[in-house]
Amino acid sequence: MSAVPEQRLIVDTDGLEHAAAVLRPVAERLRVLAAGVGRQLAALGDPAGDDVFGARFKGKHDPQAALVREGARGVGVAVTDAGDGLTKMAALFEAAEHGAQRTTARLNTQLGQGGNSGGGGRR
């Protein structure tokens, strides 16, 4: 019977928290940029005339302008969500680590072995 090699999962929760902190100002800058794009598009006014060609242009322009506004806003939201997700991920890994340490300590006490504190410790 062969021994199973030890497998370890090492998560840099400080690194996750740092990445989330880096994303916050980026998300804010994107939010400001998206608001500016919306204002600039609104300032252009209605680019179509009141004739048949203007109506055709408006039919193509307005949906595209809406997509630009929504896309710019969506990028900021996505970056904000990514930062929030990293923060939550770090907290979940920390909670799992603390749970592993408590469980190992409880098992060591029950087995009367003393043993280590369990878990891998913060990296």
Protein backbone atom coordinates (compact mmCIF):
# COMPACT_ATOMS: atom_id res chain seq x y z
CA MET A 1 0.00 0.00 0.00
CA SER A 2 1.51 3.32 -1.03
CA ALA A 3 1.32 6.45 1.07
CA VAL A 4 -0.86 9.27 -0.15
CA PRO A 5 1.23 12.39 -0.75
CA GLU A 6 0.38 15.34 1.47
CA GLN A 7 -1.63 17.97 -0.35
CA ARG A 8 -1.83 21.51 0.95
CA LEU A 9 -3.96 24.48 0.10
CA ILE A 10 -2.26 27.76 0.84
CA VAL A 11 -4.33 30.93 0.48
CA ASP A 12 -2.80 34.38 0.86
CA THR A 13 -5.72 36.14 2.55
CA ASP A 14 -3.64 39.29 3.05
CA GLY A 15 -3.01 39.30 -0.69
CA LEU A 16 -6.75 38.89 -1.37
CA GLU A 17 -7.54 41.79 0.95
CA HIS A 18 -4.83 43.92 -0.69
CA ALA A 19 -6.22 43.18 -4.17
CA ALA A 20 -9.70 44.20 -3.01
CA ALA A 21 -8.28 47.46 -1.64
CA VAL A 22 -6.55 48.15 -4.97
CA LEU A 23 -9.81 47.61 -6.86
CA ARG A 24 -11.85 50.09 -4.79
CA PRO A 25 -10.33 53.30 -6.24
CA VAL A 26 -10.33 51.78 -9.73
CA ALA A 27 -14.06 51.07 -9.40
CA GLU A 28 -14.66 54.64 -8.21
CA ARG A 29 -12.73 56.09 -11.16
CA LEU A 30 -14.76 53.92 -13.53
CA ARG A 31 -17.99 55.10 -11.89
CA VAL A 32 -16.96 58.73 -12.38
CA LEU A 33 -15.97 58.01 -15.98
CA ALA A 34 -19.31 56.33 -16.69
CA ALA A 35 -21.18 59.30 -15.25
CA GLY A 36 -19.11 61.60 -17.46
CA VAL A 37 -19.87 59.54 -20.56
CA GLY A 38 -23.57 59.74 -19.74
CA ARG A 39 -23.37 63.52 -19.31
CA GLN A 40 -21.44 63.93 -22.56
CA LEU A 41 -23.94 61.85 -24.50
CA ALA A 42 -26.83 63.79 -22.98
CA ALA A 43 -25.11 67.10 -23.83
CA LEU A 44 -25.05 66.12 -27.49
CA GLY A 45 -28.81 66.35 -27.51
CA ASP A 46 -30.90 64.70 -30.18
CA PRO A 47 -28.58 64.17 -33.15
CA ALA A 48 -31.44 63.35 -35.53
CA GLY A 49 -33.52 65.69 -37.58
CA ASP A 50 -37.27 65.46 -37.95
CA ASP A 51 -37.21 63.99 -41.44
CA VAL A 52 -37.20 60.34 -42.49
CA PHE A 53 -33.39 60.17 -42.54
CA GLY A 54 -33.22 61.67 -39.05
CA ALA A 55 -35.67 59.06 -37.81
CA ARG A 56 -33.54 56.29 -39.32
CA PHE A 57 -30.40 57.73 -37.74
CA LYS A 58 -32.13 58.08 -34.37
CA GLY A 59 -33.27 54.46 -34.58
CA LYS A 60 -29.65 53.35 -34.90
CA HIS A 61 -28.03 55.99 -32.65
CA ASP A 62 -30.19 55.84 -29.53
CA PRO A 63 -29.81 52.09 -28.84
CA GLN A 64 -26.04 52.32 -29.37
CA ALA A 65 -25.74 55.35 -27.08
CA ALA A 66 -27.69 53.45 -24.42
CA LEU A 67 -25.30 50.50 -24.80
CA VAL A 68 -22.28 52.79 -24.34
CA ARG A 69 -23.78 54.29 -21.17
CA GLU A 70 -24.75 50.88 -19.78
CA GLY A 71 -21.40 49.33 -20.71
CA ALA A 72 -19.43 52.07 -18.99
CA ARG A 73 -21.59 51.76 -15.88
CA GLY A 74 -21.40 47.94 -15.98
CA VAL A 75 -17.60 47.88 -15.97
CA GLY A 76 -17.53 49.92 -12.75
CA VAL A 77 -20.11 47.64 -11.15
CA ALA A 78 -18.14 44.56 -12.21
CA VAL A 79 -14.91 45.89 -10.67
CA THR A 80 -16.75 46.82 -7.46
CA ASP A 81 -18.28 43.33 -7.31
CA ALA A 82 -14.88 41.72 -7.90
CA GLY A 83 -13.38 43.69 -5.00
CA ASP A 84 -16.30 42.77 -2.74
CA GLY A 85 -15.93 39.14 -3.78
CA LEU A 86 -12.23 39.11 -2.88
CA THR A 87 -13.01 40.60 0.53
CA LYS A 88 -15.66 37.94 1.17
CA MET A 89 -13.36 35.19 -0.09
CA ALA A 90 -10.61 36.26 2.32
CA ALA A 91 -13.09 36.32 5.22
CA LEU A 92 -14.37 32.84 4.34
CA PHE A 93 -10.87 31.38 4.18
CA GLU A 94 -10.03 33.03 7.51
CA ALA A 95 -13.19 31.57 9.07
CA ALA A 96 -12.35 28.12 7.67
CA GLU A 97 -8.84 28.38 9.10
CA HIS A 98 -10.11 29.34 12.54
CA GLY A 99 -12.67 26.54 12.40
CA ALA A 100 -9.95 24.02 11.53
CA GLN A 101 -7.81 25.23 14.42
CA ARG A 102 -10.72 24.96 16.89
CA THR A 103 -11.66 21.49 15.64
CA THR A 104 -8.07 20.25 15.83
CA ALA A 105 -7.65 21.67 19.33
CA ARG A 106 -10.90 20.00 20.44
CA LEU A 107 -9.84 16.65 18.92
CA ASN A 108 -6.40 16.89 20.50
CA THR A 109 -8.01 17.51 23.89
CA GLN A 110 -10.43 14.64 23.46
CA LEU A 111 -7.63 12.30 22.41
CA GLY A 112 -5.39 13.52 25.20
CA GLN A 113 -2.49 14.06 22.82
CA GLY A 114 -1.97 17.78 23.15
CA GLY A 115 -0.72 18.02 19.59
CA ASN A 116 -0.45 21.05 17.37
CA SER A 117 -2.89 23.92 17.00
CA GLY A 118 -4.21 22.63 13.67
CA GLY A 119 -4.73 24.42 10.43
CA GLY A 120 -1.97 25.85 8.34
CA GLY A 121 -1.83 29.25 10.00
CA ARG A 122 -2.06 32.60 8.26
CA ARG A 123 0.21 32.97 5.24
